[in-house]
Amino acid sequence: METKDRRRWLIIHAVLFFVVLIDRALRVISLQIDGTHEIIPKVLSFVYVRNSGVALSIPLSNVLAIIFSAVVIAGVAFVWLKSYQQGRLTQAAAAAMVVFGALSNLIDRIMHGAVVDYLDFFSWSTINTGDILIFCGAVLMGISILFPRTR
């Protein structure tokens, strides 16, 4: 791998690590707030919601959710490393986004018995930054598979 690619790789991971640190801090703050705090009226609010379900709030016991999460994280981490080894940096970065986001949610499951969500959109869906990383990583992964970049 070229030095330029290694530098990009390090920057991507440093940014992801920083985003997860922000996510963790926002989760801690949300545990200490009371009520809803509007950021953008009727669009975005900061709240505390305990989500014991998995994707799309599908109900699942915490033990099964932890096991399921660990298996998915391991599988995506494998894709992450293989993509990196094969020089597919976009796909590797996408997988890294999913792993970082899922690890942040897994930490909540282990520490709190549920995932802490704190961003409420249109009073319809409450998510966290880890969820955003997972979603964006999955979309980027799909795009990188459908439209591979050739060198």
C-alpha atoms as a PDB file:
ATOM      1  CA  MET A   1       0.000   0.000   0.000  1.00  0.00           C
ATOM      2  CA  GLU A   2       1.272   3.422  -0.914  1.00  0.00           C
ATOM      3  CA  THR A   3       2.262   5.970   1.716  1.00  0.00           C
ATOM      4  CA  LYS A   4      -0.518   8.279   0.522  1.00  0.00           C
ATOM      5  CA  ASP A   5      -3.101   5.504   1.048  1.00  0.00           C
ATOM      6  CA  ARG A   6      -1.694   4.707   4.491  1.00  0.00           C
ATOM      7  CA  ARG A   7      -2.003   8.350   5.454  1.00  0.00           C
ATOM      8  CA  ARG A   8      -5.636   8.417   4.284  1.00  0.00           C
ATOM      9  CA  TRP A   9      -6.272   5.194   6.175  1.00  0.00           C
ATOM     10  CA  LEU A  10      -4.902   6.686   9.393  1.00  0.00           C
ATOM     11  CA  ILE A  11      -6.886   9.909   8.942  1.00  0.00           C
ATOM     12  CA  ILE A  12     -10.117   7.977   8.336  1.00  0.00           C
ATOM     13  CA  HIS A  13      -9.606   5.952  11.499  1.00  0.00           C
ATOM     14  CA  ALA A  14      -8.628   8.968  13.565  1.00  0.00           C
ATOM     15  CA  VAL A  15     -11.819  10.745  12.441  1.00  0.00           C
ATOM     16  CA  LEU A  16     -13.940   7.661  13.204  1.00  0.00           C
ATOM     17  CA  PHE A  17     -12.344   7.345  16.641  1.00  0.00           C
ATOM     18  CA  PHE A  18     -13.057  11.043  17.312  1.00  0.00           C
ATOM     19  CA  VAL A  19     -16.695  10.634  16.173  1.00  0.00           C
ATOM     20  CA  VAL A  20     -17.117   7.677  18.530  1.00  0.00           C
ATOM     21  CA  LEU A  21     -15.641   9.726  21.401  1.00  0.00           C
ATOM     22  CA  ILE A  22     -18.191  12.461  20.674  1.00  0.00           C
ATOM     23  CA  ASP A  23     -20.923   9.814  20.490  1.00  0.00           C
ATOM     24  CA  ARG A  24     -19.905   8.379  23.853  1.00  0.00           C
ATOM     25  CA  ALA A  25     -19.846  11.867  25.416  1.00  0.00           C
ATOM     26  CA  LEU A  26     -23.313  12.676  24.026  1.00  0.00           C
ATOM     27  CA  ARG A  27     -24.638   9.419  25.468  1.00  0.00           C
ATOM     28  CA  VAL A  28     -23.283  10.328  28.909  1.00  0.00           C
ATOM     29  CA  ILE A  29     -24.836  13.799  28.658  1.00  0.00           C
ATOM     30  CA  SER A  30     -28.187  12.342  27.571  1.00  0.00           C
ATOM     31  CA  LEU A  31     -28.236  10.111  30.660  1.00  0.00           C
ATOM     32  CA  GLN A  32     -28.086  13.248  32.813  1.00  0.00           C
ATOM     33  CA  ILE A  33     -30.692  15.419  31.096  1.00  0.00           C
ATOM     34  CA  ASP A  34     -34.331  15.656  31.944  1.00  0.00           C
ATOM     35  CA  GLY A  35     -36.925  16.054  29.220  1.00  0.00           C
ATOM     36  CA  THR A  36     -36.577  17.140  25.626  1.00  0.00           C
ATOM     37  CA  HIS A  37     -34.289  19.935  24.478  1.00  0.00           C
ATOM     38  CA  GLU A  38     -35.084  21.296  21.029  1.00  0.00           C
ATOM     39  CA  ILE A  39     -32.071  21.994  18.827  1.00  0.00           C
ATOM     40  CA  ILE A  40     -34.044  22.840  15.687  1.00  0.00           C
ATOM     41  CA  PRO A  41     -37.704  23.379  16.651  1.00  0.00           C
ATOM     42  CA  LYS A  42     -40.010  20.600  15.403  1.00  0.00           C
ATOM     43  CA  VAL A  43     -37.086  18.970  13.541  1.00  0.00           C
ATOM     44  CA  LEU A  44     -34.298  17.884  15.900  1.00  0.00           C
ATOM     45  CA  SER A  45     -34.284  17.441  19.665  1.00  0.00           C
ATOM     46  CA  PHE A  46     -31.798  16.112  22.212  1.00  0.00           C
ATOM     47  CA  VAL A  47     -33.439  13.532  24.495  1.00  0.00           C
ATOM     48  CA  TYR A  48     -32.706  10.376  26.434  1.00  0.00           C
ATOM     49  CA  VAL A  49     -34.293   7.193  25.098  1.00  0.00           C
ATOM     50  CA  ARG A  50     -33.430   3.692  26.222  1.00  0.00           C
ATOM     51  CA  ASN A  51     -33.697   1.339  23.223  1.00  0.00           C
ATOM     52  CA  SER A  52     -33.740  -2.311  24.277  1.00  0.00           C
ATOM     53  CA  GLY A  53     -34.468  -3.543  20.739  1.00  0.00           C
ATOM     54  CA  VAL A  54     -32.088  -4.077  17.842  1.00  0.00           C
ATOM     55  CA  ALA A  55     -32.251  -2.507  14.357  1.00  0.00           C
ATOM     56  CA  LEU A  56     -35.510  -0.586  13.909  1.00  0.00           C
ATOM     57  CA  SER A  57     -36.321  -1.349  17.582  1.00  0.00           C
ATOM     58  CA  ILE A  58     -37.026  -5.025  16.863  1.00  0.00           C
ATOM     59  CA  PRO A  59     -37.438  -6.633  20.297  1.00  0.00           C
ATOM     60  CA  LEU A  60     -34.676  -9.045  21.360  1.00  0.00           C
ATOM     61  CA  SER A  61     -33.335  -9.995  24.777  1.00  0.00           C
ATOM     62  CA  ASN A  62     -30.180  -8.126  25.780  1.00  0.00           C
ATOM     63  CA  VAL A  63     -28.085 -11.312  25.894  1.00  0.00           C
ATOM     64  CA  LEU A  64     -29.154 -12.291  22.357  1.00  0.00           C
ATOM     65  CA  ALA A  65     -28.628  -8.703  21.174  1.00  0.00           C
ATOM     66  CA  ILE A  66     -25.074  -8.737  22.582  1.00  0.00           C
ATOM     67  CA  ILE A  67     -24.312 -12.091  20.933  1.00  0.00           C
ATOM     68  CA  PHE A  68     -25.878 -10.978  17.632  1.00  0.00           C
ATOM     69  CA  SER A  69     -23.961  -7.687  17.746  1.00  0.00           C
ATOM     70  CA  ALA A  70     -20.649  -9.413  18.488  1.00  0.00           C
ATOM     71  CA  VAL A  71     -21.121 -11.849  15.589  1.00  0.00           C
ATOM     72  CA  VAL A  72     -22.038  -9.048  13.169  1.00  0.00           C
ATOM     73  CA  ILE A  73     -19.113  -6.901  14.348  1.00  0.00           C
ATOM     74  CA  ALA A  74     -16.723  -9.837  13.875  1.00  0.00           C
ATOM     75  CA  GLY A  75     -18.061 -10.487  10.354  1.00  0.00           C
ATOM     76  CA  VAL A  76     -17.842  -6.862   9.297  1.00  0.00           C
ATOM     77  CA  ALA A  77     -14.377  -6.548  10.873  1.00  0.00           C
ATOM     78  CA  PHE A  78     -13.294  -9.463   8.689  1.00  0.00           C
ATOM     79  CA  VAL A  79     -14.622  -7.624   5.603  1.00  0.00           C
ATOM     80  CA  TRP A  80     -12.833  -4.485   6.840  1.00  0.00           C
ATOM     81  CA  LEU A  81      -9.452  -6.225   7.092  1.00  0.00           C
ATOM     82  CA  LYS A  82      -9.831  -8.159   3.804  1.00  0.00           C
ATOM     83  CA  SER A  83     -10.854  -4.980   1.970  1.00  0.00           C
ATOM     84  CA  TYR A  84      -7.863  -3.166   3.399  1.00  0.00           C
ATOM     85  CA  GLN A  85      -5.480  -5.971   2.415  1.00  0.00           C
ATOM     86  CA  GLN A  86      -6.894  -5.959  -1.121  1.00  0.00           C
ATOM     87  CA  GLY A  87      -6.500  -2.179  -1.434  1.00  0.00           C
ATOM     88  CA  ARG A  88     -10.248  -1.452  -1.538  1.00  0.00           C
ATOM     89  CA  LEU A  89     -10.038   1.524   0.765  1.00  0.00           C
ATOM     90  CA  THR A  90     -13.580   2.836   0.244  1.00  0.00           C
ATOM     91  CA  GLN A  91     -15.055  -0.536   1.135  1.00  0.00           C
ATOM     92  CA  ALA A  92     -12.653  -0.851   4.084  1.00  0.00           C
ATOM     93  CA  ALA A  93     -13.611   2.618   5.347  1.00  0.00           C
ATOM     94  CA  ALA A  94     -17.303   1.740   5.013  1.00  0.00           C
ATOM     95  CA  ALA A  95     -16.801  -1.445   7.029  1.00  0.00           C
ATOM     96  CA  ALA A  96     -14.818   0.513   9.629  1.00  0.00           C
ATOM     97  CA  MET A  97     -17.739   2.944   9.994  1.00  0.00           C
ATOM     98  CA  VAL A  98     -20.095   0.041  10.669  1.00  0.00           C
ATOM     99  CA  VAL A  99     -17.696  -1.551  13.176  1.00  0.00           C
ATOM    100  CA  PHE A 100     -17.061   1.712  15.073  1.00  0.00           C
ATOM    101  CA  GLY A 101     -20.792   2.524  15.259  1.00  0.00           C
ATOM    102  CA  ALA A 102     -21.749  -1.009  16.274  1.00  0.00           C
ATOM    103  CA  LEU A 103     -19.032  -1.122  18.953  1.00  0.00           C
ATOM    104  CA  SER A 104     -20.369   2.083  20.476  1.00  0.00           C
ATOM    105  CA  ASN A 105     -23.866   0.568  20.614  1.00  0.00           C
ATOM    106  CA  LEU A 106     -22.474  -2.692  22.021  1.00  0.00           C
ATOM    107  CA  ILE A 107     -20.757  -0.779  24.829  1.00  0.00           C
ATOM    108  CA  ASP A 108     -24.189   0.605  25.793  1.00  0.00           C
ATOM    109  CA  ARG A 109     -25.773  -2.847  25.747  1.00  0.00           C
ATOM    110  CA  ILE A 110     -23.083  -4.144  28.079  1.00  0.00           C
ATOM    111  CA  MET A 111     -23.066  -1.081  30.391  1.00  0.00           C
ATOM    112  CA  HIS A 112     -26.772  -0.155  30.426  1.00  0.00           C
ATOM    113  CA  GLY A 113     -28.638  -3.238  29.199  1.00  0.00           C
ATOM    114  CA  ALA A 114     -29.903  -1.227  26.224  1.00  0.00           C
ATOM    115  CA  VAL A 115     -28.690   1.265  23.642  1.00  0.00           C
ATOM    116  CA  VAL A 116     -28.859   4.950  24.574  1.00  0.00           C
ATOM    117  CA  ASP A 117     -30.417   7.061  21.813  1.00  0.00           C
ATOM    118  CA  TYR A 118     -30.417  10.844  22.028  1.00  0.00           C
ATOM    119  CA  LEU A 119     -31.190  12.486  18.663  1.00  0.00           C
ATOM    120  CA  ASP A 120     -34.928  12.765  18.014  1.00  0.00           C
ATOM    121  CA  PHE A 121     -35.889  13.619  14.423  1.00  0.00           C
ATOM    122  CA  PHE A 122     -39.376  15.060  13.845  1.00  0.00           C
ATOM    123  CA  SER A 123     -40.565  13.278  17.027  1.00  0.00           C
ATOM    124  CA  TRP A 124     -40.563  10.156  14.854  1.00  0.00           C
ATOM    125  CA  SER A 125     -37.240   8.386  15.267  1.00  0.00           C
ATOM    126  CA  THR A 126     -34.655   8.601  18.021  1.00  0.00           C
ATOM    127  CA  ILE A 127     -31.137   7.489  17.126  1.00  0.00           C
ATOM    128  CA  ASN A 128     -27.514   8.106  18.098  1.00  0.00           C
ATOM    129  CA  THR A 129     -24.282   8.866  16.255  1.00  0.00           C
ATOM    130  CA  GLY A 130     -23.351   5.169  16.287  1.00  0.00           C
ATOM    131  CA  ASP A 131     -26.547   4.442  14.314  1.00  0.00           C
ATOM    132  CA  ILE A 132     -25.607   7.159  11.831  1.00  0.00           C
ATOM    133  CA  LEU A 133     -22.148   5.607  11.366  1.00  0.00           C
ATOM    134  CA  ILE A 134     -23.711   2.174  10.801  1.00  0.00           C
ATOM    135  CA  PHE A 135     -26.220   3.514   8.274  1.00  0.00           C
ATOM    136  CA  CYS A 136     -23.707   5.637   6.361  1.00  0.00           C
ATOM    137  CA  GLY A 137     -21.169   2.800   6.384  1.00  0.00           C
ATOM    138  CA  ALA A 138     -23.735   0.333   5.039  1.00  0.00           C
ATOM    139  CA  VAL A 139     -24.768   2.741   2.260  1.00  0.00           C
ATOM    140  CA  LEU A 140     -21.129   3.440   1.372  1.00  0.00           C
ATOM    141  CA  MET A 141     -20.420  -0.314   1.414  1.00  0.00           C
ATOM    142  CA  GLY A 142     -23.279  -0.918  -1.018  1.00  0.00           C
ATOM    143  CA  ILE A 143     -22.090   1.848  -3.325  1.00  0.00           C
ATOM    144  CA  SER A 144     -18.493   0.589  -3.226  1.00  0.00           C
ATOM    145  CA  ILE A 145     -19.655  -2.923  -4.152  1.00  0.00           C
ATOM    146  CA  LEU A 146     -22.036  -1.801  -6.904  1.00  0.00           C
ATOM    147  CA  PHE A 147     -19.619   0.725  -8.371  1.00  0.00           C
ATOM    148  CA  PRO A 148     -16.079  -0.509  -7.663  1.00  0.00           C
ATOM    149  CA  ARG A 149     -13.311   2.006  -8.155  1.00  0.00           C
ATOM    150  CA  THR A 150     -10.603   0.884 -10.514  1.00  0.00           C
ATOM    151  CA  ARG A 151      -7.029   2.120 -10.393  1.00  0.00           C
END
